[in-house]
Protein backbone atom coordinates (compact mmCIF):
# COMPACT_ATOMS: atom_id res chain seq x y z
CA UNK A 1 102.30 76.48 213.33
CA UNK A 2 105.33 74.18 213.74
CA UNK A 3 104.74 70.45 214.03
CA UNK A 4 106.01 70.35 217.64
CA UNK A 5 103.74 73.24 218.60
CA UNK A 6 100.75 71.55 216.94
CA UNK A 7 101.40 68.31 218.80
CA UNK A 8 101.74 70.20 222.09
CA UNK A 9 98.44 71.98 221.45
CA UNK A 10 96.69 68.69 220.64
CA UNK A 11 98.05 67.07 223.80
CA UNK A 12 96.95 70.01 225.93
CA UNK A 13 93.48 69.90 224.37
CA UNK A 14 93.20 66.19 225.10
CA UNK A 15 94.39 66.71 228.66
CA UNK A 16 91.84 69.45 229.34
CA UNK A 17 89.04 67.35 227.84
CA UNK A 18 89.99 64.37 230.01
CA UNK A 19 90.10 66.53 233.15
CA UNK A 20 86.75 68.12 232.32
CA UNK A 21 85.16 64.71 231.85
CA UNK A 22 86.21 63.71 235.39
CA UNK A 23 85.42 67.02 237.12
CA UNK A 24 83.35 66.54 240.23
CA UNK A 25 83.45 62.74 240.14
CA UNK A 26 84.68 61.05 243.31
CA UNK A 27 86.39 57.79 242.43
CA UNK A 28 88.11 57.18 245.76
CA UNK A 29 85.68 54.48 246.89
CA UNK A 30 86.10 52.63 243.60
CA UNK A 31 89.89 52.70 243.76
CA UNK A 32 89.93 51.58 247.40
CA UNK A 33 88.08 48.45 246.22
CA UNK A 34 90.38 47.95 243.21
CA UNK A 35 87.55 48.81 240.81
CA UNK A 36 87.96 50.77 237.59
CA UNK A 37 86.76 54.36 237.42
CA UNK A 38 86.10 54.54 233.70
CA UNK A 39 88.66 57.30 233.22
CA UNK A 40 90.35 57.44 229.81
CA UNK A 41 93.40 55.16 229.93
CA UNK A 42 95.42 57.56 227.80
CA UNK A 43 97.02 60.27 229.93
CA UNK A 44 98.45 63.08 227.79
CA UNK A 45 101.91 64.22 228.91
CA UNK A 46 103.16 67.77 229.35
CA UNK A 47 105.24 69.07 226.42
CA UNK A 48 108.93 69.18 227.35
CA UNK A 49 110.20 71.04 224.30
CA UNK A 50 109.39 74.30 222.60
CA UNK A 51 109.50 78.03 223.22
CA UNK A 52 108.66 77.83 226.93
CA UNK A 53 111.42 75.31 227.67
CA UNK A 54 113.96 77.41 225.76
CA UNK A 55 112.98 80.55 227.68
CA UNK A 56 113.42 78.73 231.00
CA UNK A 57 116.87 77.53 229.92
CA UNK A 58 117.81 81.10 228.97
CA UNK A 59 116.78 82.41 232.41
CA UNK A 60 118.98 79.82 234.11
CA UNK A 61 122.05 81.49 232.61
CA UNK A 62 121.56 84.25 235.20
CA UNK A 63 121.65 81.87 238.19
CA UNK A 64 124.89 82.12 240.14
CA UNK A 65 126.38 79.04 241.83
CA UNK A 66 129.69 78.23 243.55
CA UNK A 67 132.56 77.15 241.24
CA UNK A 68 132.14 73.67 239.76
CA UNK A 69 128.34 73.65 239.96
CA UNK A 70 125.98 73.73 236.98
CA UNK A 71 122.19 74.18 236.79
CA UNK A 72 120.01 72.87 233.95
CA UNK A 73 116.34 72.39 233.19
CA UNK A 74 115.26 68.93 234.34
CA UNK A 75 111.55 69.06 233.49
CA UNK A 76 108.68 71.36 232.62
CA UNK A 77 106.17 70.72 235.43
CA UNK A 78 103.24 73.16 235.79
CA UNK A 79 102.86 74.61 239.30
CA UNK A 80 105.68 72.39 240.62
CA UNK A 81 105.88 72.48 244.40
CA UNK A 82 107.14 69.76 246.75
CA UNK A 83 108.98 66.74 245.44
CA UNK A 84 109.36 63.10 246.47
CA UNK A 85 112.17 61.23 244.71
CA UNK A 86 111.19 57.59 244.09
CA UNK A 87 113.28 55.02 245.97
CA UNK A 88 113.77 52.48 243.16
CA UNK A 89 113.39 54.19 239.78
CA UNK A 90 114.38 57.39 237.96
CA UNK A 91 111.09 58.97 238.96
CA UNK A 92 109.77 61.62 241.26
CA UNK A 93 106.31 62.76 242.25
CA UNK A 94 105.55 66.45 242.47
CA UNK A 95 102.76 68.11 244.43
CA UNK A 96 100.95 71.34 243.60
CA UNK A 97 98.68 73.85 245.32
CA UNK A 98 96.01 73.08 242.74
CA UNK A 99 94.48 69.73 241.73
CA UNK A 100 97.41 67.78 240.32
CA UNK A 101 100.15 65.46 241.46
CA UNK A 102 102.70 64.96 238.68
CA UNK A 103 104.64 61.79 237.85
CA UNK A 104 108.02 62.80 236.40
CA UNK A 105 110.11 60.09 234.72
CA UNK A 106 113.64 59.99 233.35
CA UNK A 107 113.26 56.75 231.44
CA UNK A 108 116.67 56.64 229.80
CA UNK A 109 118.65 57.87 232.80
CA UNK A 110 120.31 60.81 231.05
CA UNK A 111 119.62 63.34 233.80
CA UNK A 112 116.64 64.98 232.06
CA UNK A 113 112.99 63.97 232.40
CA UNK A 114 111.44 62.31 229.37
CA UNK A 115 107.84 62.29 230.55
CA UNK A 116 105.66 64.41 232.84
CA UNK A 117 102.04 63.41 233.29
CA UNK A 118 99.31 63.51 235.95
CA UNK A 119 99.41 60.85 238.64
CA UNK A 120 96.09 59.16 239.50
CA UNK A 121 94.00 61.57 237.39
CA UNK A 122 90.81 59.68 238.25
CA UNK A 123 91.00 61.22 241.74
CA UNK A 124 89.97 64.75 242.63
CA UNK A 125 92.94 66.15 244.52
CA UNK A 126 92.57 69.35 246.53
CA UNK A 127 95.85 71.18 247.18
CA UNK A 128 98.00 68.02 247.12
CA UNK A 129 101.15 69.93 248.03
CA UNK A 130 102.75 67.41 250.40
CA UNK A 131 104.38 64.29 248.96
CA UNK A 132 106.72 61.91 250.77
CA UNK A 133 107.69 58.23 250.93
CA UNK A 134 107.52 55.52 253.53
CA UNK A 135 110.70 53.50 253.97
CA UNK A 136 109.19 50.57 252.05
CA UNK A 137 107.99 52.51 249.00
CA UNK A 138 104.47 53.80 249.70
CA UNK A 139 103.79 57.32 248.42
CA UNK A 140 102.01 59.64 250.85
CA UNK A 141 100.03 62.58 249.45
CA UNK A 142 98.89 65.16 252.00
CA UNK A 143 96.17 67.47 250.75
CA UNK A 144 94.65 70.50 252.46
CA UNK A 145 92.38 68.28 254.57
CA UNK A 146 92.97 64.66 253.58
CA UNK A 147 95.83 62.13 253.58
CA UNK A 148 96.18 59.34 251.00
CA UNK A 149 98.70 56.50 250.73
CA UNK A 150 99.57 54.88 247.37
CA UNK A 151 101.26 51.44 247.40
CA UNK A 152 104.10 51.03 244.88
CA UNK A 153 103.19 54.27 243.13
CA UNK A 154 106.40 54.31 241.11
CA UNK A 155 105.48 50.97 239.53
CA UNK A 156 101.73 51.43 239.11
CA UNK A 157 101.32 54.95 237.81
CA UNK A 158 100.92 54.38 234.07
CA UNK A 159 97.10 54.29 234.10
CA UNK A 160 94.59 56.62 235.75
CA UNK A 161 93.48 54.11 238.38
CA UNK A 162 95.86 53.22 241.20
CA UNK A 163 95.69 51.40 244.51
CA UNK A 164 95.03 53.82 247.36
CA UNK A 165 94.72 53.74 251.14
CA UNK A 166 92.69 56.47 252.83
CA UNK A 167 94.83 57.41 255.86
CA UNK A 168 92.80 60.44 256.90
CA UNK A 169 89.44 61.02 255.15
CA UNK A 170 88.38 64.34 253.69
CA UNK A 171 87.71 66.78 256.54
CA UNK A 172 89.63 64.72 259.09
CA UNK A 173 93.01 66.44 259.15
CA UNK A 174 91.65 69.72 260.58
CA UNK A 175 88.09 70.73 261.50
CA UNK A 176 86.23 71.78 258.36
CA UNK A 177 85.32 75.12 259.95
CA UNK A 178 89.05 75.91 260.18
CA UNK A 179 89.67 75.38 256.46
CA UNK A 180 90.94 78.46 254.65
CA UNK A 181 92.44 79.48 251.32
CA UNK A 182 95.43 80.69 253.34
CA UNK A 183 98.31 78.51 254.59
CA UNK A 184 96.72 75.26 253.43
CA UNK A 185 99.72 73.72 251.64
CA UNK A 186 100.93 70.80 253.77
CA UNK A 187 104.33 69.12 253.87
CA UNK A 188 105.24 65.71 255.25
CA UNK A 189 107.98 63.23 256.09
CA UNK A 190 107.88 59.61 257.24
CA UNK A 191 110.32 58.45 259.91
CA UNK A 192 112.07 55.09 259.74
CA UNK A 193 109.57 53.64 262.22
CA UNK A 194 106.67 54.45 259.88
CA UNK A 195 105.45 57.52 261.75
CA UNK A 196 104.07 60.21 259.43
CA UNK A 197 104.83 63.84 260.35
CA UNK A 198 102.63 66.60 258.85
CA UNK A 199 103.00 70.37 259.27
CA UNK A 200 99.70 72.25 259.64
CA UNK A 201 99.94 75.97 258.96
CA UNK A 202 97.48 78.14 260.85
CA UNK A 203 95.23 80.11 258.46
CA UNK A 204 95.69 83.67 259.75
CA UNK A 205 98.50 86.19 259.51
CA UNK A 206 98.42 85.96 263.32
CA UNK A 207 95.73 83.78 264.87
CA UNK A 208 93.29 85.74 267.09
CA UNK A 209 93.45 85.29 270.84
CA UNK A 210 90.34 83.10 270.81
CA UNK A 211 92.04 80.54 268.53
CA UNK A 212 95.41 80.14 270.29
CA UNK A 213 94.45 77.38 272.76
CA UNK A 214 92.29 75.57 270.20
CA UNK A 215 95.09 75.49 267.66
CA UNK A 216 97.62 74.29 270.24
CA UNK A 217 95.27 71.44 271.13
CA UNK A 218 94.61 70.41 267.50
CA UNK A 219 98.12 70.94 266.17
CA UNK A 220 97.11 73.72 263.78
CA UNK A 221 100.16 75.94 263.71
CA UNK A 222 102.20 72.89 264.62
CA UNK A 223 103.34 69.43 263.54
CA UNK A 224 101.18 66.36 264.08
CA UNK A 225 102.28 62.76 263.72
CA UNK A 226 100.40 59.51 263.16
CA UNK A 227 100.59 56.04 261.67
CA UNK A 228 101.22 56.41 257.93
CA UNK A 229 98.68 53.72 256.97
CA UNK A 230 95.61 54.21 259.12
CA UNK A 231 96.09 57.56 260.86
CA UNK A 232 96.10 55.95 264.30
CA UNK A 233 98.18 57.10 267.29
CA UNK A 234 97.76 60.70 266.22
CA UNK A 235 99.32 63.30 268.49
CA UNK A 236 100.60 66.87 268.37
CA UNK A 237 104.38 66.67 268.15
CA UNK A 238 105.39 70.37 268.02
CA UNK A 239 103.46 73.60 268.71
CA UNK A 240 104.01 77.33 268.32
CA UNK A 241 104.53 77.41 264.54
CA UNK A 242 103.03 79.88 262.09
CA UNK A 243 103.19 78.21 258.69
CA UNK A 244 105.81 75.56 258.00
CA UNK A 245 106.10 74.59 254.31
CA UNK A 246 109.32 72.61 254.49
CA UNK A 247 110.39 69.62 256.55
CA UNK A 248 113.02 66.90 256.68
CA UNK A 249 114.42 64.38 259.15
CA UNK A 250 118.14 64.34 259.91
CA UNK A 251 119.26 60.82 258.96
CA UNK A 252 121.99 60.90 261.62
CA UNK A 253 120.13 61.78 264.81
CA UNK A 254 116.49 61.51 263.58
CA UNK A 255 115.57 65.04 264.69
CA UNK A 256 112.82 66.78 262.70
CA UNK A 257 113.81 70.05 261.02
CA UNK A 258 111.45 72.54 259.43
CA UNK A 259 111.17 76.05 258.03
CA UNK A 260 108.65 78.61 259.22
CA UNK A 261 107.29 81.67 257.45
CA UNK A 262 107.13 84.98 259.24
CA UNK A 263 104.33 87.39 260.17
CA UNK A 264 103.41 89.94 257.49
CA UNK A 265 102.74 93.64 257.87
CA UNK A 266 105.43 94.60 260.39
CA UNK A 267 107.89 96.20 258.00
CA UNK A 268 110.61 95.17 255.57
CA UNK A 269 113.12 93.85 258.07
CA UNK A 270 111.15 91.98 260.74
CA UNK A 271 110.35 89.30 261.73
CA UNK A 272 113.01 86.84 260.56
CA UNK A 273 112.42 83.65 258.64
CA UNK A 274 113.16 80.48 260.56
CA UNK A 275 114.85 77.08 260.37
CA UNK A 276 113.93 75.00 263.41
CA UNK A 277 114.85 71.67 265.00
CA UNK A 278 112.36 69.52 266.90
CA UNK A 279 114.10 67.06 269.19
CA UNK A 280 111.27 65.62 271.28
CA UNK A 281 107.52 65.47 271.75
CA UNK A 282 105.80 68.55 273.16
CA UNK A 283 108.22 71.37 272.35
CA UNK A 284 106.76 74.85 271.81
CA UNK A 285 108.43 77.17 269.31
CA UNK A 286 106.99 80.43 270.53
CA UNK A 287 104.39 81.53 268.01
CA UNK A 288 102.30 83.69 268.12
CA UNK A 289 104.16 85.30 271.03
CA UNK A 290 107.55 85.03 269.31
CA UNK A 291 108.51 84.92 265.64
CA UNK A 292 112.18 84.05 265.83
CA UNK A 293 113.35 86.31 268.66
CA UNK A 294 110.98 89.07 267.62
CA UNK A 295 107.94 89.58 269.84
CA UNK A 296 104.77 89.56 267.70
CA UNK A 297 102.19 89.58 270.50
CA UNK A 298 100.92 93.11 271.06
CA UNK A 299 102.27 94.54 267.80
CA UNK A 300 100.09 96.08 265.12
CA UNK A 301 99.73 92.63 263.59
CA UNK A 302 98.41 91.12 266.85
CA UNK A 303 97.03 93.83 269.15
CA UNK A 304 94.59 91.42 270.81
CA UNK A 305 97.55 89.35 272.06
CA UNK A 306 99.08 92.19 274.11
CA UNK A 307 98.30 90.36 277.38
CA UNK A 308 99.42 86.94 276.14
CA UNK A 309 101.80 85.12 278.46
CA UNK A 310 105.16 84.11 277.06
CA UNK A 311 105.22 80.35 276.34
CA UNK A 312 107.32 78.50 278.91
CA UNK A 313 110.61 77.09 277.63
CA UNK A 314 110.05 78.31 274.07
CA UNK A 315 112.54 76.86 271.58
CA UNK A 316 114.19 79.47 269.35
CA UNK A 317 115.28 78.88 265.72
CA UNK A 318 118.50 77.22 264.72
CA UNK A 319 118.83 79.82 261.94
CA UNK A 320 117.18 83.21 261.41
CA UNK A 321 116.93 84.31 257.77
CA UNK A 322 116.35 87.82 256.35
CA UNK A 323 112.73 88.88 256.72
CA UNK A 324 110.06 87.92 254.20
CA UNK A 325 112.17 85.75 251.91
CA UNK A 326 109.64 82.96 252.53
CA UNK A 327 111.77 79.90 253.19
CA UNK A 328 109.82 76.83 252.06
CA UNK A 329 111.23 73.42 251.14
CA UNK A 330 114.34 72.03 252.81
CA UNK A 331 116.33 68.82 252.61
CA UNK A 332 119.39 67.21 254.13
CA UNK A 333 121.99 66.51 251.46
CA UNK A 334 122.76 62.80 251.70
CA UNK A 335 124.65 62.49 248.41
CA UNK A 336 128.34 62.17 247.59
CA UNK A 337 128.56 64.12 244.32
CA UNK A 338 128.92 67.54 245.97
CA UNK A 339 132.12 68.45 247.86
CA UNK A 340 132.51 67.28 251.47
CA UNK A 341 131.50 70.72 252.72
CA UNK A 342 127.91 70.10 251.65
CA UNK A 343 127.55 66.46 252.71
CA UNK A 344 125.22 66.13 255.68
CA UNK A 345 124.19 69.78 255.46
CA UNK A 346 120.85 71.38 254.65
CA UNK A 347 119.61 73.11 251.51
CA UNK A 348 116.68 75.52 251.91
CA UNK A 349 114.59 77.12 249.15
CA UNK A 350 113.57 80.77 249.62
CA UNK A 351 110.46 81.44 247.53
CA UNK A 352 110.86 85.22 247.60
CA UNK A 353 109.04 88.08 249.29
CA UNK A 354 105.67 89.49 248.30
CA UNK A 355 105.27 92.34 250.80
CA UNK A 356 108.63 94.10 250.94
CA UNK A 357 109.16 97.51 249.35
CA UNK A 358 112.24 95.96 247.71
CA UNK A 359 111.81 92.27 246.78
CA UNK A 360 114.18 89.78 248.39
CA UNK A 361 114.78 86.05 248.20
CA UNK A 362 114.22 83.68 245.27
CA UNK A 363 117.38 81.78 246.16
CA UNK A 364 118.78 78.63 247.73
CA UNK A 365 120.57 78.70 251.08
CA UNK A 366 122.99 76.14 252.46
CA UNK A 367 123.39 75.49 256.19
CA UNK A 368 126.05 73.11 257.54
CA UNK A 369 125.23 70.87 260.48
CA UNK A 370 127.80 70.80 263.26
CA UNK A 371 129.07 67.70 265.04
CA UNK A 372 126.67 68.30 267.94
CA UNK A 373 123.69 68.22 265.54
CA UNK A 374 122.96 71.95 265.57
CA UNK A 375 123.10 74.35 262.63
CA UNK A 376 126.08 76.36 261.47
CA UNK A 377 125.96 79.70 259.66
CA UNK A 378 123.72 80.05 256.61
CA UNK A 379 125.11 81.08 253.22
CA UNK A 380 123.61 81.69 249.80
CA UNK A 381 124.18 78.73 247.48
CA UNK A 382 122.23 79.76 244.37
CA UNK A 383 120.65 83.07 243.37
CA UNK A 384 119.64 84.99 240.25
CA UNK A 385 115.94 84.29 239.85
CA UNK A 386 115.25 87.88 240.99
CA UNK A 387 116.60 90.31 238.42
CA UNK A 388 118.11 93.78 238.90
CA UNK A 389 114.71 95.38 238.29
CA UNK A 390 113.10 93.42 241.11
CA UNK A 391 111.25 91.12 238.69
CA UNK A 392 110.97 87.41 239.45
CA UNK A 393 112.20 85.07 236.73
CA UNK A 394 111.58 82.12 239.01
CA UNK A 395 110.57 81.30 242.59
CA UNK A 396 112.18 78.21 244.14
CA UNK A 397 109.88 76.08 246.30
CA UNK A 398 111.58 72.82 247.21
CA UNK A 399 114.90 70.99 247.05
CA UNK A 400 115.44 67.23 246.71
CA UNK A 401 118.68 65.24 246.39
CA UNK A 402 118.71 62.56 243.69
CA UNK A 403 120.29 59.14 244.09
CA UNK A 404 123.25 60.20 241.92
CA UNK A 405 123.98 63.11 244.26
CA UNK A 406 122.57 65.86 242.07
CA UNK A 407 120.05 68.30 243.56
CA UNK A 408 116.62 69.10 242.18
CA UNK A 409 114.95 72.50 242.69
CA UNK A 410 111.25 73.06 241.98
CA UNK A 411 109.79 76.37 240.81
CA UNK A 412 106.03 76.94 240.87
CA UNK A 413 106.20 80.37 239.24
CA UNK A 414 107.88 79.18 236.04
CA UNK A 415 106.47 75.67 236.30
CA UNK A 416 109.75 73.78 236.17
CA UNK A 417 112.24 71.58 237.98
CA UNK A 418 115.96 72.31 237.73
CA UNK A 419 118.90 69.95 238.31
CA UNK A 420 122.15 71.07 239.92
CA UNK A 421 125.27 68.95 239.33
CA UNK A 422 128.88 69.27 240.39
CA UNK A 423 132.12 68.54 238.58
CA UNK A 424 135.51 69.71 239.88
CA UNK A 425 136.66 70.22 236.30
């Protein structure tokens, strides 16, 4: 065994041992009182070199981008999902659908991460997929059924114990009886006024008739908003959503944009994927009556909704994508490195289909935003993670602009984050 492989194995062993020692222990109350948890102060990092990293780099040679763009491996991050780029340092925090939030650091500023390690490993996270920042540097982590707030996370992440505010306690985001293994990965954004927006996917393929009114009332299958520090002033902002796993706020007009995944089991080509725009409190986006402009109610996927009334004044998508590509993370591009065409536009990650006879997706779309604040036509920006044999070599989840104008792409299938840069030469 090579020295680098031996070191990686030793680090992994130490990491597993540390995790096992903490399994089942709830340290939240201790951390809320600034008490120590007794967790090992040494947090083993994830190996960034070796055979796995080289294989990921080799796969990236098949990714096609517009002229002048280049994609490289930024970090090896197991199960990497949604990303929150730190406001003041070369760091980002990465959520997962498992039990980890990762702290990813580029200490020397060379455009490649030097260290990837668990954030707050003394806590027992449960599907901490959603990560986002307040304007003044507090990290929000939205789990399946809990919301936590970490002051100055980018400066106090080195040890296992960190300051934490419990915004919504365990079991307080949705009723416990509505918890499910399905559609439980949350996403979030914080507006400039400190309001926290959270998307709550509903747990069915199509919710049964008996759940429609309940979910509308609770904001399940919708977007809720609240104070980012104490969960107060909670209200349902948008309704009629199936499962949104991507959200961002337009910095120009402050509208909330989000992706929505489509109903399964209705064939290869319907319904469409969605990119939507919420402009005010109380809008309804049609589901489960509509999915895009396709009527779901009364189909084979929702026969018990055949007598459902069409929602009044339903808002239709800004963009309809090909069916079953599973659009997830999205972000407005606020950088200056990319050509003017892309500035102010939206990048969207398509995770890739699971239930088409011919796989589709595993790509990045770009959508310009017109002067009136609405979306222009979508185009493919990056593709090549789905090979000619229909085999996934990667599945993009989220996109995040860096302060230097480069664009990060997360991939939970490979367990990596990529960095896209542009140079006219």
